[in-house]
Amino acid sequence: MTLPEISPSASSSDSLPRRQALRWLGGGMGAATLLGLTACGSAPPAPTQEKPPARPVVLRKPRLALALGGGAARGFAHVGALEVLEEAGIRPDIVVGTSAGSVVGSIYASGLRGKALRDAAQGLDKNAITDWQVPFLNRGLLRGAALERFINQQVGNRPIQAMPIKLGIVATDLKSGQGILFRSGNTGQAVRASSAVPGVFEPVRIGSREYVDGGLVAPVPVRYARQLGGDVVVAIDISSEPTAEAASSQAQVVLKTFSIMGRNINTNELKTADVVLRPALAGVSSADFSNRERSIEAGRAAMRQALPRIRQLLAQGVR
């Protein structure tokens, strides 16, 4: 049996498109393979670095510090100012006092509030703090030991560092003339040193040093209140304006001299306070213990006027 022959022309014409297709397919696969190999040989793209979220700013409540100035009997104004703060529900974190400010400040820092604080102040009169001595045989009219005993009695003999409220007491080193901030030790003794007006009280020896009134360096201790950590410093200035009235005793001469000197120092010191209170004490002398009620009310009025600003400052957090 004879098999049919395959036409060469038909076979040739049919294989041409197939060869072209194979060449195209082979070329395409080669290019794809080359691209794939190239891609495999290159480094992967670096991941995008995301910035870490910013840490939230955490604000804390400001620390309120009171800088209580000196002024002898005018210091009863501090009592009224503290009463108003308590009534407003505001309690300071720090109290720093000079002279009369250290007397009231130490009693307040020990925990006495409201009526107890006023009663303690009412007990502070000339008879309670005067222990006269012969002037020409000593370095002052008064020893100051009576004041020391009075303060220690009021604070329950607690040392400065044991007070419920952080307390600082300012005095002046008699030898160097530098201010000293007492942060520990006998509270009554430190107050005695802070209140030792030269010529009125004899200098106070503590350790190997002698100290006198803190009003010589800081009549209103604003910078010491900052030093103890106060963010908001409220200064209470009870210094008196110089008057034309004649001083009738040695003590009044010294106190009036202190008043003049203190006002000049305060010009710069008070600039750094956040709030300054100046109770209306015109006509109340530094030696006038009979006007204590008027002084207390003057302190209350001054603090009431300052309360809105104090609240505003305390509402602003600090870093």
Protein backbone atom coordinates (compact mmCIF):
# COMPACT_ATOMS: atom_id res chain seq x y z
CA MET A 1 0.00 0.00 0.00
CA THR A 2 1.29 3.38 -0.95
CA LEU A 3 1.35 6.13 1.76
CA PRO A 4 0.39 9.67 0.75
CA GLU A 5 3.31 12.03 0.32
CA ILE A 6 3.60 15.16 2.41
CA SER A 7 3.90 18.27 0.29
CA PRO A 8 7.18 20.06 1.09
CA SER A 9 5.70 23.41 0.19
CA ALA A 10 2.83 22.99 2.63
CA SER A 11 5.16 21.87 5.43
CA SER A 12 7.56 24.81 4.89
CA SER A 13 4.91 27.48 4.79
CA ASP A 14 3.25 26.18 7.99
CA SER A 15 6.47 26.08 10.10
CA LEU A 16 7.56 29.72 9.45
CA PRO A 17 5.02 31.41 11.72
CA ARG A 18 5.79 28.85 14.40
CA ARG A 19 9.50 29.55 14.25
CA GLN A 20 8.86 33.29 14.47
CA ALA A 21 6.61 32.76 17.47
CA LEU A 22 9.23 30.60 19.17
CA ARG A 23 11.92 33.21 18.53
CA TRP A 24 9.65 35.96 20.02
CA LEU A 25 8.72 33.81 22.95
CA GLY A 26 12.31 32.82 23.57
CA GLY A 27 13.47 36.43 23.36
CA GLY A 28 10.75 37.59 25.72
CA MET A 29 11.53 34.87 28.23
CA GLY A 30 15.21 35.72 28.06
CA ALA A 31 14.52 39.37 28.74
CA ALA A 32 12.21 38.49 31.60
CA THR A 33 14.82 36.14 33.03
CA LEU A 34 17.48 38.85 32.72
CA LEU A 35 15.25 41.38 34.43
CA GLY A 36 14.46 38.88 37.16
CA LEU A 37 18.13 38.17 37.74
CA THR A 38 18.92 41.85 37.78
CA ALA A 39 16.15 42.47 40.28
CA CYS A 40 17.37 39.64 42.46
CA GLY A 41 20.86 41.11 42.51
CA SER A 42 19.82 44.65 43.63
CA ALA A 43 19.27 45.72 47.32
CA PRO A 44 15.67 45.88 48.54
CA PRO A 45 14.31 49.40 49.10
CA ALA A 46 15.00 50.76 52.59
CA PRO A 47 11.95 50.93 54.81
CA THR A 48 10.60 54.40 55.53
CA GLN A 49 11.83 55.70 58.88
CA GLU A 50 8.85 56.97 60.88
CA LYS A 51 9.57 59.71 63.41
CA PRO A 52 8.70 58.67 66.95
CA PRO A 53 5.73 60.56 68.34
CA ALA A 54 6.65 63.62 70.38
CA ARG A 55 6.51 63.05 74.11
CA PRO A 56 3.65 64.95 75.71
CA VAL A 57 4.74 67.83 77.93
CA VAL A 58 3.82 66.95 81.50
CA LEU A 59 3.14 69.98 83.64
CA ARG A 60 3.10 69.92 87.42
CA LYS A 61 1.39 72.12 89.95
CA PRO A 62 3.50 75.20 90.82
CA ARG A 63 5.05 75.32 94.28
CA LEU A 64 3.74 78.34 96.18
CA ALA A 65 6.27 80.12 98.40
CA LEU A 66 5.57 82.95 100.81
CA ALA A 67 8.28 85.53 101.55
CA LEU A 68 7.29 87.20 104.81
CA GLY A 69 9.10 90.47 105.45
CA GLY A 70 10.31 92.12 108.64
CA GLY A 71 8.68 95.02 110.41
CA ALA A 72 8.49 94.23 114.13
CA ALA A 73 4.95 94.88 115.46
CA ARG A 74 3.65 95.43 111.92
CA GLY A 75 4.20 91.70 111.45
CA PHE A 76 0.67 90.99 112.71
CA ALA A 77 -0.39 91.77 109.13
CA HIS A 78 1.14 88.41 108.12
CA VAL A 79 -1.41 86.67 110.37
CA GLY A 80 -4.34 88.24 108.50
CA ALA A 81 -2.86 87.41 105.09
CA LEU A 82 -2.37 83.76 106.08
CA GLU A 83 -5.93 83.55 107.40
CA VAL A 84 -7.34 84.59 104.02
CA LEU A 85 -5.17 82.07 102.17
CA GLU A 86 -6.45 79.29 104.43
CA GLU A 87 -10.06 80.38 103.94
CA ALA A 88 -9.50 80.25 100.16
CA GLY A 89 -8.21 76.68 100.42
CA ILE A 90 -4.70 77.64 99.36
CA ARG A 91 -1.83 76.25 101.39
CA PRO A 92 1.76 77.30 100.62
CA ASP A 93 4.46 74.71 100.05
CA ILE A 94 7.25 76.94 101.36
CA VAL A 95 7.43 79.72 103.95
CA VAL A 96 10.51 81.92 104.34
CA GLY A 97 10.64 84.69 106.91
CA THR A 98 12.84 87.56 107.98
CA SER A 99 12.61 89.01 111.51
CA ALA A 100 8.88 89.47 112.27
CA GLY A 101 8.17 87.33 109.20
CA SER A 102 10.17 84.49 110.75
CA VAL A 103 8.14 84.78 113.97
CA VAL A 104 4.77 84.38 112.22
CA GLY A 105 6.14 82.07 109.54
CA SER A 106 7.59 79.56 112.00
CA ILE A 107 4.36 79.37 114.01
CA TYR A 108 2.32 78.91 110.83
CA ALA A 109 4.68 76.30 109.38
CA SER A 110 4.38 74.29 112.60
CA GLY A 111 0.73 73.63 111.82
CA LEU A 112 -1.21 76.36 113.63
CA ARG A 113 -4.15 77.57 111.53
CA GLY A 114 -7.05 79.98 111.79
CA LYS A 115 -8.01 80.88 115.35
CA ALA A 116 -5.03 78.99 116.81
CA LEU A 117 -2.66 81.11 114.74
CA ARG A 118 -4.43 84.32 115.76
CA ASP A 119 -4.41 83.28 119.43
CA ALA A 120 -0.67 82.60 119.27
CA ALA A 121 -0.13 86.02 117.72
CA GLN A 122 -2.27 87.64 120.39
CA GLY A 123 0.07 86.16 122.98
CA LEU A 124 3.02 87.88 121.38
CA ASP A 125 3.40 91.17 123.22
CA LYS A 126 6.22 93.16 124.72
CA ASN A 127 6.00 91.33 128.03
CA ALA A 128 6.38 87.96 126.33
CA ILE A 129 9.54 88.81 124.43
CA THR A 130 11.32 91.41 126.53
CA ASP A 131 14.20 90.39 128.76
CA TRP A 132 15.95 93.65 129.58
CA GLN A 133 19.62 93.84 130.44
CA VAL A 134 22.02 96.65 131.32
CA PRO A 135 22.88 98.26 127.93
CA PHE A 136 26.37 99.57 128.68
CA LEU A 137 27.44 96.15 130.01
CA ASN A 138 26.06 94.25 127.02
CA ARG A 139 25.61 94.58 123.27
CA GLY A 140 21.87 95.10 123.28
CA LEU A 141 18.92 96.27 125.35
CA LEU A 142 17.36 92.81 125.20
CA ARG A 143 18.94 89.37 125.37
CA GLY A 144 16.37 87.70 123.11
CA ALA A 145 16.15 84.50 125.13
CA ALA A 146 12.49 85.25 125.96
CA LEU A 147 11.62 85.37 122.25
CA GLU A 148 13.43 82.08 121.69
CA ARG A 149 11.44 80.41 124.50
CA PHE A 150 8.15 81.83 123.20
CA ILE A 151 8.71 80.48 119.68
CA ASN A 152 9.81 77.01 120.83
CA GLN A 153 6.76 76.81 123.05
CA GLN A 154 4.45 77.69 120.15
CA VAL A 155 6.02 75.18 117.74
CA GLY A 156 6.18 72.37 120.27
CA ASN A 157 10.00 72.48 120.36
CA ARG A 158 10.15 71.08 116.82
CA PRO A 159 13.30 71.87 114.84
CA ILE A 160 13.07 73.70 111.55
CA GLN A 161 13.51 70.56 109.43
CA ALA A 162 10.57 68.81 111.15
CA MET A 163 7.94 71.39 110.22
CA PRO A 164 4.92 70.20 108.18
CA ILE A 165 5.57 73.08 105.75
CA LYS A 166 9.07 73.68 104.43
CA LEU A 167 10.48 76.55 106.46
CA GLY A 168 13.42 78.89 105.94
CA ILE A 169 14.61 81.58 108.36
CA VAL A 170 16.92 84.39 107.23
CA ALA A 171 19.57 86.04 109.40
CA THR A 172 22.80 87.96 108.79
CA ASP A 173 26.28 86.69 109.62
CA LEU A 174 27.73 89.47 111.77
CA LYS A 175 31.33 88.79 110.71
CA SER A 176 30.94 88.39 106.94
CA GLY A 177 27.81 90.46 106.42
CA GLN A 178 26.36 87.65 104.30
CA GLY A 179 22.82 86.38 104.55
CA ILE A 180 22.26 82.91 105.97
CA LEU A 181 19.20 80.72 105.41
CA PHE A 182 18.53 78.41 108.35
CA ARG A 183 16.97 75.15 107.13
CA SER A 184 17.56 73.03 110.21
CA GLY A 185 18.19 73.34 113.90
CA ASN A 186 16.57 75.04 116.87
CA THR A 187 13.59 77.01 115.54
CA GLY A 188 13.41 79.49 118.40
CA GLN A 189 17.13 80.19 118.23
CA ALA A 190 16.99 80.82 114.47
CA VAL A 191 14.02 83.18 114.89
CA ARG A 192 15.88 84.96 117.68
CA ALA A 193 18.85 85.46 115.35
CA SER A 194 16.63 86.62 112.48
CA SER A 195 14.99 89.19 114.78
CA ALA A 196 18.17 90.44 116.53
CA VAL A 197 18.03 94.12 115.54
CA PRO A 198 21.52 95.51 116.34
CA GLY A 199 21.40 97.80 119.33
CA VAL A 200 18.04 96.38 120.48
CA PHE A 201 18.84 92.66 120.76
CA GLU A 202 22.30 91.32 121.41
CA PRO A 203 23.81 89.20 118.60
CA VAL A 204 22.98 85.50 118.72
CA ARG A 205 25.77 82.94 118.78
CA ILE A 206 25.05 79.69 116.93
CA GLY A 207 28.02 77.38 116.74
CA SER A 208 31.11 79.49 116.15
CA ARG A 209 29.29 82.34 114.39
CA GLU A 210 27.25 85.32 115.53
CA TYR A 211 24.08 86.44 113.77
CA VAL A 212 21.88 89.53 113.69
CA ASP A 213 18.64 90.62 112.04
CA GLY A 214 17.99 89.21 108.56
CA GLY A 215 16.56 92.56 107.47
CA LEU A 216 20.11 93.79 106.91
CA VAL A 217 20.36 91.58 103.80
CA ALA A 218 16.79 90.59 102.89
CA PRO A 219 13.96 92.64 104.43
CA VAL A 220 11.56 90.58 102.30
CA PRO A 221 13.32 87.27 101.49
CA VAL A 222 12.17 86.75 97.90
CA ARG A 223 15.42 85.25 96.58
CA TYR A 224 15.57 82.78 99.46
CA ALA A 225 12.01 81.69 98.69
CA ARG A 226 13.17 80.96 95.12
CA GLN A 227 16.22 79.17 96.48
CA LEU A 228 13.98 76.78 98.41
CA GLY A 229 12.11 75.87 95.23
CA GLY A 230 9.27 78.37 94.97
CA ASP A 231 7.74 78.61 91.49
CA VAL A 232 5.21 81.26 92.48
CA VAL A 233 6.57 83.63 95.12
CA VAL A 234 4.17 85.88 97.02
CA ALA A 235 6.01 88.61 98.93
CA ILE A 236 4.43 90.45 101.84
CA ASP A 237 6.15 93.78 102.45
CA ILE A 238 5.27 95.33 105.81
CA SER A 239 8.04 97.92 105.86
CA SER A 240 7.00 101.43 106.80
CA GLU A 241 7.46 104.69 104.97
CA PRO A 242 9.90 107.09 106.65
CA THR A 243 7.97 109.72 108.63
CA ALA A 244 8.78 113.14 109.99
CA GLU A 245 7.88 112.07 113.51
CA ALA A 246 10.73 112.18 116.01
CA ALA A 247 11.93 108.87 117.44
CA SER A 248 11.48 109.06 121.22
CA SER A 249 13.72 106.16 122.28
CA GLN A 250 16.88 104.35 121.30
CA ALA A 251 14.85 101.38 120.07
CA GLN A 252 12.67 103.61 117.88
CA VAL A 253 15.74 105.26 116.39
CA VAL A 254 17.17 101.88 115.43
CA LEU A 255 13.86 100.59 114.06
CA LYS A 256 13.34 103.73 112.00
CA THR A 257 16.87 103.43 110.61
CA PHE A 258 16.13 99.82 109.67
CA SER A 259 12.94 100.91 107.94
CA ILE A 260 14.78 103.45 105.77
CA MET A 261 17.53 100.99 104.89
CA GLY A 262 15.10 98.16 104.23
CA ARG A 263 13.06 100.09 101.71
CA ASN A 264 16.15 100.76 99.62
CA ILE A 265 17.12 97.07 99.61
CA ASN A 266 13.56 96.02 98.79
CA THR A 267 13.54 98.03 95.58
CA ASN A 268 15.53 95.30 93.83
CA GLU A 269 14.42 92.31 95.91
CA LEU A 270 10.72 92.74 95.25
CA LYS A 271 11.16 92.95 91.47
CA THR A 272 11.67 89.19 91.32
CA ALA A 273 8.47 88.32 93.20
CA ASP A 274 5.39 87.17 91.26
CA VAL A 275 2.94 88.92 93.58
CA VAL A 276 3.72 91.69 96.09
CA LEU A 277 1.37 92.57 98.93
CA ARG A 278 1.71 95.86 100.79
CA PRO A 279 -0.83 95.97 103.62
CA ALA A 280 -2.15 99.44 104.41
CA LEU A 281 -0.27 100.08 107.67
CA ALA A 282 0.12 103.85 107.59
CA GLY A 283 0.30 105.17 111.13
CA VAL A 284 1.29 101.80 112.64
CA SER A 285 4.86 101.96 113.90
CA SER A 286 7.22 99.03 114.22
CA ALA A 287 7.06 99.33 118.00
CA ASP A 288 3.26 99.61 118.23
CA PHE A 289 1.89 96.33 119.63
CA SER A 290 -1.43 97.94 120.55
CA ASN A 291 -2.61 98.07 116.92
CA ARG A 292 -2.37 94.34 116.24
CA GLU A 293 -6.06 93.97 115.24
CA ARG A 294 -5.75 96.78 112.73
CA SER A 295 -2.59 95.18 111.32
CA ILE A 296 -4.30 91.79 111.02
CA GLU A 297 -7.21 93.32 109.12
CA ALA A 298 -4.81 95.19 106.84
CA GLY A 299 -3.17 91.88 105.99
CA ARG A 300 -6.53 90.27 105.27
CA ALA A 301 -7.53 93.09 102.93
CA ALA A 302 -4.25 92.94 101.03
CA MET A 303 -4.49 89.18 100.54
CA ARG A 304 -8.12 89.32 99.39
CA GLN A 305 -7.10 91.80 96.71
CA ALA A 306 -4.22 89.55 95.57
CA LEU A 307 -6.17 86.26 95.52
CA PRO A 308 -7.34 86.40 91.86
CA ARG A 309 -3.77 86.84 90.61
CA ILE A 310 -2.45 84.10 92.91
CA ARG A 311 -5.15 81.68 91.68
CA GLN A 312 -4.32 82.53 88.09
CA LEU A 313 -0.61 81.80 88.60
CA LEU A 314 -1.28 78.54 90.43
CA ALA A 315 -3.55 77.38 87.59
CA GLN A 316 -0.63 77.56 85.15
CA GLY A 317 1.38 74.35 85.26
CA VAL A 318 5.18 74.36 85.15
CA ARG A 319 7.58 71.85 83.61
